[in-house]
C-alpha atoms as a PDB file:
ATOM      1  CA  MET A   1     -20.715 -20.212 -18.655  1.00  0.00           C
ATOM      2  CA  THR A   2     -19.428 -18.144 -21.552  1.00  0.00           C
ATOM      3  CA  LYS A   3     -16.337 -16.398 -21.121  1.00  0.00           C
ATOM      4  CA  ILE A   4     -15.612 -12.660 -21.421  1.00  0.00           C
ATOM      5  CA  GLN A   5     -13.782 -11.934 -24.728  1.00  0.00           C
ATOM      6  CA  LYS A   6     -11.074 -10.115 -22.850  1.00  0.00           C
ATOM      7  CA  HIS A   7      -7.204 -10.411 -22.479  1.00  0.00           C
ATOM      8  CA  ILE A   8      -5.961  -9.833 -19.054  1.00  0.00           C
ATOM      9  CA  GLU A   9      -2.478 -10.131 -17.796  1.00  0.00           C
ATOM     10  CA  ILE A  10      -1.408 -10.214 -14.121  1.00  0.00           C
ATOM     11  CA  VAL A  11       1.969  -8.677 -13.603  1.00  0.00           C
ATOM     12  CA  ARG A  12       4.864  -9.323 -10.934  1.00  0.00           C
ATOM     13  CA  SER A  13       8.591  -9.548 -10.969  1.00  0.00           C
ATOM     14  CA  GLN A  14      11.180 -11.977  -9.343  1.00  0.00           C
ATOM     15  CA  VAL A  15      13.457  -9.184  -8.717  1.00  0.00           C
ATOM     16  CA  PRO A  16      13.411  -8.906  -4.834  1.00  0.00           C
ATOM     17  CA  GLY A  17      11.494  -5.844  -3.593  1.00  0.00           C
ATOM     18  CA  LEU A  18       9.699  -5.053  -6.516  1.00  0.00           C
ATOM     19  CA  SER A  19       6.620  -7.358  -6.459  1.00  0.00           C
ATOM     20  CA  SER A  20       3.700  -6.442  -4.313  1.00  0.00           C
ATOM     21  CA  LEU A  21       1.953  -9.475  -5.337  1.00  0.00           C
ATOM     22  CA  SER A  22       3.506 -12.753  -3.950  1.00  0.00           C
ATOM     23  CA  ARG A  23       3.532 -15.972  -6.828  1.00  0.00           C
ATOM     24  CA  SER A  24       0.976 -17.359  -4.466  1.00  0.00           C
ATOM     25  CA  SER A  25      -1.248 -14.291  -4.811  1.00  0.00           C
ATOM     26  CA  ALA A  26      -0.862 -13.851  -8.302  1.00  0.00           C
ATOM     27  CA  ASP A  27      -1.967 -17.849  -8.740  1.00  0.00           C
ATOM     28  CA  ALA A  28      -4.746 -17.040  -6.794  1.00  0.00           C
ATOM     29  CA  ILE A  29      -6.089 -14.134  -8.790  1.00  0.00           C
ATOM     30  CA  PHE A  30      -5.323 -16.357 -12.376  1.00  0.00           C
ATOM     31  CA  ASP A  31      -7.497 -19.071 -10.857  1.00  0.00           C
ATOM     32  CA  VAL A  32     -10.281 -16.593 -10.521  1.00  0.00           C
ATOM     33  CA  LEU A  33      -9.934 -14.677 -13.725  1.00  0.00           C
ATOM     34  CA  THR A  34      -9.647 -17.825 -16.102  1.00  0.00           C
ATOM     35  CA  ASP A  35     -13.290 -19.104 -14.740  1.00  0.00           C
ATOM     36  CA  HIS A  36     -14.324 -15.774 -16.257  1.00  0.00           C
ATOM     37  CA  TYR A  37     -12.089 -14.282 -18.891  1.00  0.00           C
ATOM     38  CA  GLU A  38     -11.033 -15.772 -22.355  1.00  0.00           C
ATOM     39  CA  THR A  39      -7.150 -15.053 -21.948  1.00  0.00           C
ATOM     40  CA  VAL A  40      -5.688 -14.800 -18.946  1.00  0.00           C
ATOM     41  CA  GLY A  41      -1.933 -14.504 -18.129  1.00  0.00           C
ATOM     42  CA  ILE A  42       0.635 -14.236 -15.515  1.00  0.00           C
ATOM     43  CA  THR A  43       3.922 -11.602 -17.007  1.00  0.00           C
ATOM     44  CA  THR A  44       6.778 -11.272 -15.357  1.00  0.00           C
ATOM     45  CA  ILE A  45       8.547  -8.221 -15.695  1.00  0.00           C
ATOM     46  CA  ASN A  46      12.207  -8.180 -14.363  1.00  0.00           C
ATOM     47  CA  ASN A  47      13.700  -5.926 -17.288  1.00  0.00           C
ATOM     48  CA  THR A  48      12.974  -3.287 -19.919  1.00  0.00           C
ATOM     49  CA  ALA A  49      12.704  -6.023 -22.396  1.00  0.00           C
ATOM     50  CA  ASP A  50       9.910  -7.754 -20.515  1.00  0.00           C
ATOM     51  CA  LEU A  51       8.054  -4.593 -20.152  1.00  0.00           C
ATOM     52  CA  ARG A  52       8.075  -4.342 -24.098  1.00  0.00           C
ATOM     53  CA  LEU A  53       7.052  -7.641 -24.809  1.00  0.00           C
ATOM     54  CA  LEU A  54       3.743  -7.351 -22.404  1.00  0.00           C
ATOM     55  CA  VAL A  55       2.574  -4.081 -24.511  1.00  0.00           C
ATOM     56  CA  SER A  56       3.458  -5.909 -27.556  1.00  0.00           C
ATOM     57  CA  ARG A  57       0.729  -8.553 -26.662  1.00  0.00           C
ATOM     58  CA  GLN A  58      -1.856  -5.451 -26.315  1.00  0.00           C
ATOM     59  CA  PRO A  59      -3.965  -6.732 -23.400  1.00  0.00           C
ATOM     60  CA  ASP A  60      -6.989  -5.302 -22.616  1.00  0.00           C
ATOM     61  CA  LEU A  61      -6.069  -4.927 -19.175  1.00  0.00           C
ATOM     62  CA  VAL A  62      -3.328  -5.303 -16.592  1.00  0.00           C
ATOM     63  CA  PHE A  63      -3.530  -6.550 -13.254  1.00  0.00           C
ATOM     64  CA  MET A  64      -0.778  -4.648 -11.210  1.00  0.00           C
ATOM     65  CA  GLY A  65       1.441  -6.572  -9.089  1.00  0.00           C
ATOM     66  CA  MET A  66       4.267  -4.260  -8.921  1.00  0.00           C
ATOM     67  CA  LYS A  67       4.794  -0.051  -8.804  1.00  0.00           C
ATOM     68  CA  TYR A  68       7.892   0.498 -11.076  1.00  0.00           C
ATOM     69  CA  LEU A  69      10.868  -0.995 -12.974  1.00  0.00           C
ATOM     70  CA  PRO A  70      14.052   0.476 -12.171  1.00  0.00           C
ATOM     71  CA  SER A  71      16.406   1.791 -14.700  1.00  0.00           C
ATOM     72  CA  SER A  72      19.489   0.051 -12.824  1.00  0.00           C
ATOM     73  CA  VAL A  73      18.123  -3.192 -10.807  1.00  0.00           C
ATOM     74  CA  PRO A  74      21.327  -2.581  -8.155  1.00  0.00           C
ATOM     75  CA  ASN A  75      20.354  -0.570  -5.496  1.00  0.00           C
ATOM     76  CA  HIS A  76      16.844   0.177  -6.944  1.00  0.00           C
ATOM     77  CA  LEU A  77      15.823   1.346  -3.558  1.00  0.00           C
ATOM     78  CA  ARG A  78      17.961   4.319  -3.739  1.00  0.00           C
ATOM     79  CA  THR A  79      17.646   5.168  -7.375  1.00  0.00           C
ATOM     80  CA  SER A  80      15.156   8.070  -8.694  1.00  0.00           C
ATOM     81  CA  GLN A  81      15.198   6.847 -12.017  1.00  0.00           C
ATOM     82  CA  LYS A  82      12.299   4.604 -12.466  1.00  0.00           C
ATOM     83  CA  ILE A  83      10.200   3.521 -15.224  1.00  0.00           C
ATOM     84  CA  TRP A  84       6.392   4.064 -13.635  1.00  0.00           C
ATOM     85  CA  ILE A  85       4.524   0.665 -15.165  1.00  0.00           C
ATOM     86  CA  SER A  86       1.279   2.434 -14.787  1.00  0.00           C
ATOM     87  CA  SER A  87       2.261   5.513 -16.893  1.00  0.00           C
ATOM     88  CA  TYR A  88       4.546   3.401 -19.236  1.00  0.00           C
ATOM     89  CA  LEU A  89       0.946   1.342 -20.073  1.00  0.00           C
ATOM     90  CA  GLU A  90      -1.034   4.478 -19.963  1.00  0.00           C
ATOM     91  CA  GLN A  91       1.517   5.951 -22.843  1.00  0.00           C
ATOM     92  CA  HIS A  92       0.596   2.817 -25.043  1.00  0.00           C
ATOM     93  CA  GLY A  93      -2.974   2.622 -24.467  1.00  0.00           C
ATOM     94  CA  ILE A  94      -3.332  -0.110 -22.052  1.00  0.00           C
ATOM     95  CA  ALA A  95      -5.633  -0.130 -19.165  1.00  0.00           C
ATOM     96  CA  HIS A  96      -4.707  -1.190 -15.747  1.00  0.00           C
ATOM     97  CA  THR A  97      -5.947  -1.888 -12.347  1.00  0.00           C
ATOM     98  CA  GLY A  98      -5.771   0.193  -9.518  1.00  0.00           C
ATOM     99  CA  SER A  99      -4.204   3.882  -8.804  1.00  0.00           C
ATOM    100  CA  GLY A 100      -1.865   6.000 -11.354  1.00  0.00           C
ATOM    101  CA  GLN A 101       1.685   7.162 -11.076  1.00  0.00           C
ATOM    102  CA  ARG A 102       1.025  10.305  -8.892  1.00  0.00           C
ATOM    103  CA  ALA A 103      -0.757   8.089  -6.093  1.00  0.00           C
ATOM    104  CA  ILE A 104       1.790   5.230  -6.260  1.00  0.00           C
ATOM    105  CA  GLU A 105       4.656   7.502  -6.050  1.00  0.00           C
ATOM    106  CA  PHE A 106       3.356   8.955  -2.898  1.00  0.00           C
ATOM    107  CA  GLU A 107       2.313   5.547  -1.733  1.00  0.00           C
ATOM    108  CA  LEU A 108       5.722   4.064  -2.389  1.00  0.00           C
ATOM    109  CA  SER A 109       7.450   6.934  -0.143  1.00  0.00           C
ATOM    110  CA  LYS A 110       6.107   6.874   3.517  1.00  0.00           C
ATOM    111  CA  GLN A 111       7.240  10.410   3.960  1.00  0.00           C
ATOM    112  CA  LEU A 112       6.102  11.491   0.817  1.00  0.00           C
ATOM    113  CA  ALA A 113       2.785  10.075   1.789  1.00  0.00           C
ATOM    114  CA  LYS A 114       2.880  11.426   5.441  1.00  0.00           C
ATOM    115  CA  GLN A 115       4.053  15.359   3.909  1.00  0.00           C
ATOM    116  CA  ARG A 116       0.740  15.113   1.481  1.00  0.00           C
ATOM    117  CA  VAL A 117      -1.464  14.120   4.202  1.00  0.00           C
ATOM    118  CA  LEU A 118       0.103  16.752   6.470  1.00  0.00           C
ATOM    119  CA  ASP A 119      -0.572  19.486   3.569  1.00  0.00           C
ATOM    120  CA  ALA A 120      -4.143  18.421   3.434  1.00  0.00           C
ATOM    121  CA  GLY A 121      -4.500  18.850   7.304  1.00  0.00           C
ATOM    122  CA  ILE A 122      -4.869  15.393   7.947  1.00  0.00           C
ATOM    123  CA  LYS A 123      -3.260  14.115  11.217  1.00  0.00           C
ATOM    124  CA  THR A 124      -0.291  12.118  11.472  1.00  0.00           C
ATOM    125  CA  ALA A 125       2.813  11.548  13.720  1.00  0.00           C
ATOM    126  CA  ARG A 126       5.696  14.150  13.331  1.00  0.00           C
ATOM    127  CA  PHE A 127       8.637  12.396  11.833  1.00  0.00           C
ATOM    128  CA  MET A 128      12.134  12.770  10.156  1.00  0.00           C
ATOM    129  CA  VAL A 129      13.825  10.926   7.406  1.00  0.00           C
ATOM    130  CA  LEU A 130      17.509   9.754   7.745  1.00  0.00           C
ATOM    131  CA  ARG A 131      18.708   9.437   4.257  1.00  0.00           C
ATOM    132  CA  HIS A 132      21.062   6.334   3.610  1.00  0.00           C
ATOM    133  CA  GLY A 133      24.424   7.106   4.652  1.00  0.00           C
ATOM    134  CA  GLN A 134      23.833   9.856   6.602  1.00  0.00           C
ATOM    135  CA  PRO A 135      25.449  10.197  10.268  1.00  0.00           C
ATOM    136  CA  ILE A 136      22.924   9.195  12.917  1.00  0.00           C
ATOM    137  CA  PRO A 137      21.751  12.129  14.514  1.00  0.00           C
ATOM    138  CA  MET A 138      22.758  12.960  18.269  1.00  0.00           C
ATOM    139  CA  THR A 139      19.044  14.725  18.740  1.00  0.00           C
ATOM    140  CA  VAL A 140      15.761  14.065  17.132  1.00  0.00           C
ATOM    141  CA  LEU A 141      14.500  17.397  18.329  1.00  0.00           C
ATOM    142  CA  PRO A 142      11.574  18.714  18.017  1.00  0.00           C
ATOM    143  CA  LEU A 143      10.521  14.872  17.980  1.00  0.00           C
ATOM    144  CA  LYS A 144       9.962  13.345  21.624  1.00  0.00           C
ATOM    145  CA  PHE A 145      10.438   9.561  22.485  1.00  0.00           C
ATOM    146  CA  PRO A 146       9.113   7.047  22.363  1.00  0.00           C
ATOM    147  CA  LEU A 147       9.894   6.881  18.774  1.00  0.00           C
ATOM    148  CA  PHE A 148       8.929   4.244  16.009  1.00  0.00           C
ATOM    149  CA  VAL A 149      11.603   3.463  13.643  1.00  0.00           C
ATOM    150  CA  LYS A 150      11.052   1.537  10.105  1.00  0.00           C
ATOM    151  CA  PRO A 151      12.217   1.764   6.608  1.00  0.00           C
ATOM    152  CA  ALA A 152      10.782   4.648   4.774  1.00  0.00           C
ATOM    153  CA  SER A 153       9.850   2.976   1.328  1.00  0.00           C
ATOM    154  CA  LEU A 154       9.490  -0.612   2.403  1.00  0.00           C
ATOM    155  CA  GLY A 155       6.094  -2.542   2.806  1.00  0.00           C
ATOM    156  CA  GLY A 156       5.063  -6.125   4.393  1.00  0.00           C
ATOM    157  CA  GLY A 157       6.336  -5.081   7.623  1.00  0.00           C
ATOM    158  CA  LYS A 158       9.922  -5.070   6.654  1.00  0.00           C
ATOM    159  CA  GLY A 159      12.302  -4.027   9.135  1.00  0.00           C
ATOM    160  CA  ILE A 160       9.743  -3.946  11.959  1.00  0.00           C
ATOM    161  CA  ASP A 161      10.008  -5.706  15.156  1.00  0.00           C
ATOM    162  CA  ASP A 162      10.145  -5.291  18.929  1.00  0.00           C
ATOM    163  CA  SER A 163      12.888  -3.201  18.671  1.00  0.00           C
ATOM    164  CA  SER A 164      10.896  -0.498  16.480  1.00  0.00           C
ATOM    165  CA  VAL A 165       9.828   1.547  19.444  1.00  0.00           C
ATOM    166  CA  VAL A 166      12.586   2.878  20.929  1.00  0.00           C
ATOM    167  CA  TYR A 167      12.968   5.008  24.361  1.00  0.00           C
ATOM    168  CA  ASN A 168      16.607   6.971  23.893  1.00  0.00           C
ATOM    169  CA  ILE A 169      19.215   7.792  21.568  1.00  0.00           C
ATOM    170  CA  LYS A 170      21.285   4.645  22.415  1.00  0.00           C
ATOM    171  CA  ASP A 171      18.247   2.508  21.038  1.00  0.00           C
ATOM    172  CA  LEU A 172      17.805   4.691  18.090  1.00  0.00           C
ATOM    173  CA  HIS A 173      21.390   4.497  16.723  1.00  0.00           C
ATOM    174  CA  GLU A 174      21.119   0.550  17.112  1.00  0.00           C
ATOM    175  CA  LYS A 175      17.887   0.211  15.320  1.00  0.00           C
ATOM    176  CA  ILE A 176      19.199   2.329  12.704  1.00  0.00           C
ATOM    177  CA  THR A 177      22.421   0.660  12.516  1.00  0.00           C
ATOM    178  CA  SER A 178      20.520  -2.538  12.086  1.00  0.00           C
ATOM    179  CA  LEU A 179      18.224  -1.359   9.416  1.00  0.00           C
ATOM    180  CA  SER A 180      21.073   0.381   7.147  1.00  0.00           C
ATOM    181  CA  ALA A 181      23.069  -2.773   7.342  1.00  0.00           C
ATOM    182  CA  ARG A 182      19.975  -4.900   6.411  1.00  0.00           C
ATOM    183  CA  TYR A 183      18.071  -2.951   3.636  1.00  0.00           C
ATOM    184  CA  SER A 184      20.528   0.430   2.632  1.00  0.00           C
ATOM    185  CA  ALA A 185      17.072   2.058   2.750  1.00  0.00           C
ATOM    186  CA  ASP A 186      16.213   5.765   4.028  1.00  0.00           C
ATOM    187  CA  VAL A 187      14.941   5.275   7.843  1.00  0.00           C
ATOM    188  CA  LEU A 188      11.620   6.813   8.848  1.00  0.00           C
ATOM    189  CA  ILE A 189      11.621   7.991  12.534  1.00  0.00           C
ATOM    190  CA  GLU A 190       8.130   9.029  13.714  1.00  0.00           C
ATOM    191  CA  GLU A 191       6.724   9.916  17.354  1.00  0.00           C
ATOM    192  CA  TYR A 192       5.086   6.728  18.368  1.00  0.00           C
ATOM    193  CA  LEU A 193       1.503   6.319  18.463  1.00  0.00           C
ATOM    194  CA  PRO A 194       0.481   4.148  21.759  1.00  0.00           C
ATOM    195  CA  GLY A 195      -3.166   3.465  20.588  1.00  0.00           C
ATOM    196  CA  ARG A 196      -5.390   1.098  18.630  1.00  0.00           C
ATOM    197  CA  GLU A 197      -4.683   0.278  15.297  1.00  0.00           C
ATOM    198  CA  PHE A 198      -6.930  -0.058  12.049  1.00  0.00           C
ATOM    199  CA  SER A 199      -6.907  -1.583   8.565  1.00  0.00           C
ATOM    200  CA  VAL A 200      -9.218   0.314   5.975  1.00  0.00           C
ATOM    201  CA  ALA A 201     -10.066  -0.950   2.633  1.00  0.00           C
ATOM    202  CA  VAL A 202     -11.353   1.617   0.170  1.00  0.00           C
ATOM    203  CA  LEU A 203     -13.128  -0.034  -2.707  1.00  0.00           C
ATOM    204  CA  ARG A 204     -15.142   2.039  -5.465  1.00  0.00           C
ATOM    205  CA  ASP A 205     -18.694   1.098  -6.037  1.00  0.00           C
ATOM    206  CA  GLU A 206     -19.195   0.002  -9.888  1.00  0.00           C
ATOM    207  CA  HIS A 207     -21.824   2.090 -10.401  1.00  0.00           C
ATOM    208  CA  THR A 208     -21.440   5.091  -9.001  1.00  0.00           C
ATOM    209  CA  ASP A 209     -18.846   7.491  -7.565  1.00  0.00           C
ATOM    210  CA  ASN A 210     -19.014   6.024  -4.381  1.00  0.00           C
ATOM    211  CA  TYR A 211     -16.767   4.068  -2.404  1.00  0.00           C
ATOM    212  CA  HIS A 212     -17.132   1.541   0.288  1.00  0.00           C
ATOM    213  CA  VAL A 213     -14.942   2.533   2.995  1.00  0.00           C
ATOM    214  CA  MET A 214     -14.249  -0.436   5.227  1.00  0.00           C
ATOM    215  CA  PRO A 215     -12.547  -0.358   8.526  1.00  0.00           C
ATOM    216  CA  ILE A 216     -11.212  -3.452  10.753  1.00  0.00           C
ATOM    217  CA  GLU A 217      -9.295  -3.274  13.831  1.00  0.00           C
ATOM    218  CA  LEU A 218      -5.853  -5.302  13.946  1.00  0.00           C
ATOM    219  CA  VAL A 219      -4.553  -6.260  17.371  1.00  0.00           C
ATOM    220  CA  ALA A 220      -1.431  -7.735  18.117  1.00  0.00           C
ATOM    221  CA  ALA A 221      -0.105  -9.496  21.071  1.00  0.00           C
ATOM    222  CA  HIS A 222       1.683  -7.516  23.576  1.00  0.00           C
ATOM    223  CA  ASN A 223       5.346  -8.001  23.530  1.00  0.00           C
ATOM    224  CA  GLU A 224       7.793  -7.847  26.441  1.00  0.00           C
ATOM    225  CA  ARG A 225       7.687  -3.983  26.611  1.00  0.00           C
ATOM    226  CA  GLY A 226       3.530  -4.218  26.509  1.00  0.00           C
ATOM    227  CA  ASN A 227       3.886  -2.415  23.007  1.00  0.00           C
ATOM    228  CA  ARG A 228       1.376  -4.334  20.528  1.00  0.00           C
ATOM    229  CA  ILE A 229       3.305  -4.147  17.255  1.00  0.00           C
ATOM    230  CA  LEU A 230       2.089  -5.605  14.082  1.00  0.00           C
ATOM    231  CA  SER A 231       5.847  -6.747  12.933  1.00  0.00           C
ATOM    232  CA  GLN A 232       6.950  -8.585   9.824  1.00  0.00           C
ATOM    233  CA  LYS A 233       6.921 -11.958  11.594  1.00  0.00           C
ATOM    234  CA  MET A 234       3.725 -11.385  12.945  1.00  0.00           C
ATOM    235  CA  LYS A 235       1.969 -10.133   9.357  1.00  0.00           C
ATOM    236  CA  ALA A 236       3.564 -13.156   7.653  1.00  0.00           C
ATOM    237  CA  SER A 237       2.438 -15.807  10.203  1.00  0.00           C
ATOM    238  CA  ASN A 238      -1.002 -14.132   9.832  1.00  0.00           C
ATOM    239  CA  GLN A 239      -1.356 -14.094  13.767  1.00  0.00           C
ATOM    240  CA  GLU A 240      -2.951 -10.661  14.690  1.00  0.00           C
ATOM    241  CA  ALA A 241      -6.531 -10.748  15.593  1.00  0.00           C
ATOM    242  CA  VAL A 242      -9.020  -8.993  13.043  1.00  0.00           C
ATOM    243  CA  LEU A 243     -12.129  -7.306  14.887  1.00  0.00           C
ATOM    244  CA  SER A 244     -14.937  -5.458  13.501  1.00  0.00           C
ATOM    245  CA  VAL A 245     -15.351  -1.972  14.201  1.00  0.00           C
ATOM    246  CA  THR A 246     -18.759  -1.809  16.065  1.00  0.00           C
ATOM    247  CA  ASP A 247     -18.559   1.472  18.146  1.00  0.00           C
ATOM    248  CA  THR A 248     -20.421   4.189  16.037  1.00  0.00           C
ATOM    249  CA  SER A 249     -18.138   7.066  17.055  1.00  0.00           C
ATOM    250  CA  MET A 250     -14.837   5.258  16.364  1.00  0.00           C
ATOM    251  CA  ARG A 251     -16.165   4.024  13.187  1.00  0.00           C
ATOM    252  CA  LYS A 252     -16.996   7.073  11.906  1.00  0.00           C
ATOM    253  CA  ALA A 253     -13.856   8.938  13.016  1.00  0.00           C
ATOM    254  CA  VAL A 254     -11.419   5.985  11.172  1.00  0.00           C
ATOM    255  CA  VAL A 255     -13.710   6.140   8.214  1.00  0.00           C
ATOM    256  CA  SER A 256     -13.348   9.636   7.727  1.00  0.00           C
ATOM    257  CA  THR A 257      -9.507   9.916   8.349  1.00  0.00           C
ATOM    258  CA  ALA A 258      -9.125   6.949   5.613  1.00  0.00           C
ATOM    259  CA  LYS A 259     -11.423   8.812   3.039  1.00  0.00           C
ATOM    260  CA  GLN A 260      -9.572  11.949   3.272  1.00  0.00           C
ATOM    261  CA  VAL A 261      -6.427  10.060   3.212  1.00  0.00           C
ATOM    262  CA  PHE A 262      -7.678   8.200   0.013  1.00  0.00           C
ATOM    263  CA  THR A 263      -8.582  11.386  -1.458  1.00  0.00           C
ATOM    264  CA  ALA A 264      -5.366  13.508  -0.588  1.00  0.00           C
ATOM    265  CA  LEU A 265      -3.074  10.684  -2.230  1.00  0.00           C
ATOM    266  CA  GLY A 266      -5.034  10.981  -5.422  1.00  0.00           C
ATOM    267  CA  ALA A 267      -5.713   7.090  -5.194  1.00  0.00           C
ATOM    268  CA  ARG A 268      -8.354   5.324  -7.308  1.00  0.00           C
ATOM    269  CA  ASP A 269     -10.569   2.326  -7.486  1.00  0.00           C
ATOM    270  CA  TYR A 270      -9.057   0.373  -4.240  1.00  0.00           C
ATOM    271  CA  GLY A 271      -6.550   0.446  -1.932  1.00  0.00           C
ATOM    272  CA  ARG A 272      -5.815   0.109   1.911  1.00  0.00           C
ATOM    273  CA  ILE A 273      -5.019   3.114   4.551  1.00  0.00           C
ATOM    274  CA  ASP A 274      -3.413   2.332   7.614  1.00  0.00           C
ATOM    275  CA  ILE A 275      -4.395   4.103  10.771  1.00  0.00           C
ATOM    276  CA  ARG A 276      -3.310   4.306  14.785  1.00  0.00           C
ATOM    277  CA  LEU A 277      -4.702   6.211  17.461  1.00  0.00           C
ATOM    278  CA  ASP A 278      -2.563   8.540  19.542  1.00  0.00           C
ATOM    279  CA  ALA A 279      -2.662   8.326  23.547  1.00  0.00           C
ATOM    280  CA  SER A 280      -5.992  10.629  23.224  1.00  0.00           C
ATOM    281  CA  GLY A 281      -7.504   8.341  20.986  1.00  0.00           C
ATOM    282  CA  THR A 282      -7.411  10.416  17.918  1.00  0.00           C
ATOM    283  CA  PRO A 283      -6.953   8.781  14.481  1.00  0.00           C
ATOM    284  CA  HIS A 284      -3.489   9.324  12.457  1.00  0.00           C
ATOM    285  CA  PHE A 285      -2.724   8.530   9.651  1.00  0.00           C
ATOM    286  CA  LEU A 286       0.262   5.523   9.634  1.00  0.00           C
ATOM    287  CA  GLU A 287       0.626   4.430   5.565  1.00  0.00           C
ATOM    288  CA  ALA A 288      -1.198   3.571   2.467  1.00  0.00           C
ATOM    289  CA  ASN A 289      -0.921   0.334   0.497  1.00  0.00           C
ATOM    290  CA  LEU A 290      -2.644   1.011  -3.095  1.00  0.00           C
ATOM    291  CA  ILE A 291      -1.621  -2.710  -4.426  1.00  0.00           C
ATOM    292  CA  PRO A 292      -2.519  -4.323  -1.179  1.00  0.00           C
ATOM    293  CA  SER A 293      -2.186  -8.116  -0.360  1.00  0.00           C
ATOM    294  CA  LEU A 294      -4.715 -10.148  -2.181  1.00  0.00           C
ATOM    295  CA  ILE A 295      -4.682 -13.487  -0.742  1.00  0.00           C
ATOM    296  CA  SER A 296      -7.838 -15.109   0.386  1.00  0.00           C
ATOM    297  CA  GLY A 297      -7.758 -14.885   4.142  1.00  0.00           C
ATOM    298  CA  TYR A 298      -4.880 -13.225   4.606  1.00  0.00           C
ATOM    299  CA  GLY A 299      -4.097  -9.588   4.638  1.00  0.00           C
ATOM    300  CA  SER A 300      -6.249  -6.644   5.852  1.00  0.00           C
ATOM    301  CA  PHE A 301      -7.950  -5.917   2.211  1.00  0.00           C
ATOM    302  CA  PRO A 302     -10.015  -9.244   1.747  1.00  0.00           C
ATOM    303  CA  LYS A 303     -10.398  -9.377   5.398  1.00  0.00           C
ATOM    304  CA  ALA A 304     -11.710  -6.290   5.427  1.00  0.00           C
ATOM    305  CA  CYS A 305     -14.217  -6.644   2.222  1.00  0.00           C
ATOM    306  CA  LYS A 306     -15.638  -9.721   4.066  1.00  0.00           C
ATOM    307  CA  LEU A 307     -15.992  -8.516   7.352  1.00  0.00           C
ATOM    308  CA  ASN A 308     -17.980  -5.180   6.497  1.00  0.00           C
ATOM    309  CA  ILE A 309     -19.984  -5.859   3.152  1.00  0.00           C
ATOM    310  CA  ASN A 310     -19.553  -9.982   3.375  1.00  0.00           C
ATOM    311  CA  LEU A 311     -17.882  -9.671  -0.154  1.00  0.00           C
ATOM    312  CA  ASP A 312     -15.826 -12.745  -1.066  1.00  0.00           C
ATOM    313  CA  TYR A 313     -12.498 -13.245  -2.692  1.00  0.00           C
ATOM    314  CA  GLU A 314     -13.742 -14.103  -6.110  1.00  0.00           C
ATOM    315  CA  GLU A 315     -16.202 -11.248  -6.262  1.00  0.00           C
ATOM    316  CA  MET A 316     -13.607  -8.633  -4.985  1.00  0.00           C
ATOM    317  CA  ILE A 317     -11.032  -9.901  -7.470  1.00  0.00           C
ATOM    318  CA  LEU A 318     -13.558  -9.745 -10.106  1.00  0.00           C
ATOM    319  CA  ARG A 319     -14.732  -6.078  -9.071  1.00  0.00           C
ATOM    320  CA  ILE A 320     -11.329  -4.802  -9.159  1.00  0.00           C
ATOM    321  CA  VAL A 321     -10.978  -6.011 -12.903  1.00  0.00           C
ATOM    322  CA  ARG A 322     -14.024  -4.643 -13.887  1.00  0.00           C
ATOM    323  CA  LEU A 323     -13.364  -0.823 -12.347  1.00  0.00           C
ATOM    324  CA  GLY A 324     -10.009  -1.238 -14.486  1.00  0.00           C
ATOM    325  CA  LEU A 325     -11.570  -2.288 -17.308  1.00  0.00           C
ATOM    326  CA  ALA A 326     -14.145   0.397 -17.406  1.00  0.00           C
ATOM    327  CA  ARG A 327     -11.319   2.872 -18.232  1.00  0.00           C
ATOM    328  CA  THR A 328     -10.206   0.893 -21.379  1.00  0.00           C
ATOM    329  CA  ASP A 329     -11.297   3.724 -23.540  1.00  0.00           C
ATOM    330  CA  GLU A 330     -10.103   6.537 -21.440  1.00  0.00           C
ATOM    331  CA  ILE A 331      -6.789   8.601 -22.531  1.00  0.00           C
ATOM    332  CA  VAL A 332      -4.835   9.298 -19.286  1.00  0.00           C
ATOM    333  CA  GLU A 333      -1.810  11.578 -19.251  1.00  0.00           C
ATOM    334  CA  PRO A 334       0.936  10.504 -17.569  1.00  0.00           C
ATOM    335  CA  VAL A 335       2.096  12.433 -14.115  1.00  0.00           C
ATOM    336  CA  THR A 336       5.281  12.957 -13.303  1.00  0.00           C
ATOM    337  CA  ILE A 337       6.090  14.414  -9.639  1.00  0.00           C
ATOM    338  CA  SER A 338       9.485  15.104  -7.841  1.00  0.00           C
ATOM    339  CA  ALA A 339      10.333  13.935  -4.379  1.00  0.00           C
ATOM    340  CA  PHE A 340      10.204  16.541  -1.651  1.00  0.00           C
ATOM    341  CA  GLY A 341      10.893  16.355   2.140  1.00  0.00           C
ATOM    342  CA  GLU A 342     -20.255   2.084   5.403  1.00  0.00           C
ATOM    343  CA  THR A 343     -20.296   3.675   1.504  1.00  0.00           C
ATOM    344  CA  LEU A 344     -19.327   7.210   1.674  1.00  0.00           C
ATOM    345  CA  PRO A 345     -19.576   9.556  -1.546  1.00  0.00           C
ATOM    346  CA  PHE A 346     -16.065  11.397  -2.519  1.00  0.00           C
ATOM    347  CA  ALA A 347     -14.784  12.142  -5.563  1.00  0.00           C
ATOM    348  CA  SER A 348     -13.060   9.820  -7.558  1.00  0.00           C
ATOM    349  CA  ALA A 349      -9.023  11.204  -8.291  1.00  0.00           C
ATOM    350  CA  ALA A 350      -8.116  10.174 -12.078  1.00  0.00           C
END
């Protein structure tokens, strides 16, 4: 087979907390792409010198496996001084997979994403954010127990376990103290949604402005308190059950919510939207992942693609790459925003 004359670099980092792609995920993507493209590499970006070296190679496309590089590596979760990889590449005329800075900045901060979704008229659980180092509140009014407590800017289920659902101030204080000691991060406190949980893969069709919006239901085993929690441990061990969404009305409601969220965040090409039902069965936005796990047989995005449209792993990766390469000649202006407290057609955000 004649390989396509393109140079693709997969980027990730060895700095803890910066990579959205694990080494095994990057290796799997590399194996797929080397069968189809002339030049493929994996670039490790730990500092600005690494980033400049990547640009000097002038690849045709960067397969994104990280969101930003901090100007100061220590305490990077608490600094607002970030070099956004997508914007840096765009400034140097290099295309990349997936969303641009605007959407990634929303995705990185759970509270920013939730506020953006609320402003768009989409349902999400009521919430508040406790900044790292702030005194733990003695009240969470107007929030009502039970509450769900998790880090405000970490993915992969980090910090989520059976103690994440709290029923009183004492439980809340204990969970916040535990998270603060372990992660030194802001804490998101939101009203607990007791219903079913869905993960929705969104993938643009290559030839139209339509998107495949592909839901699956994730079912965790009941814990000692009777809650189904997709904890960090459960996600890492790939233990949750994955079900097709066959009920027509539920599928329509979940797909509609995911589509609206994807658009509201300004996402493009591909991503994952997580949704959970409230006690009455109404879908609520949980969080977004615009650089989702892409390991074959692991992670909601590949599973949703396979279960909904029978898209296998190799073709899924190649489609993401082709969508990125289609923008090679586009000129994209970098965007900076500041922090504040079935296939369906819908507009593709640039």
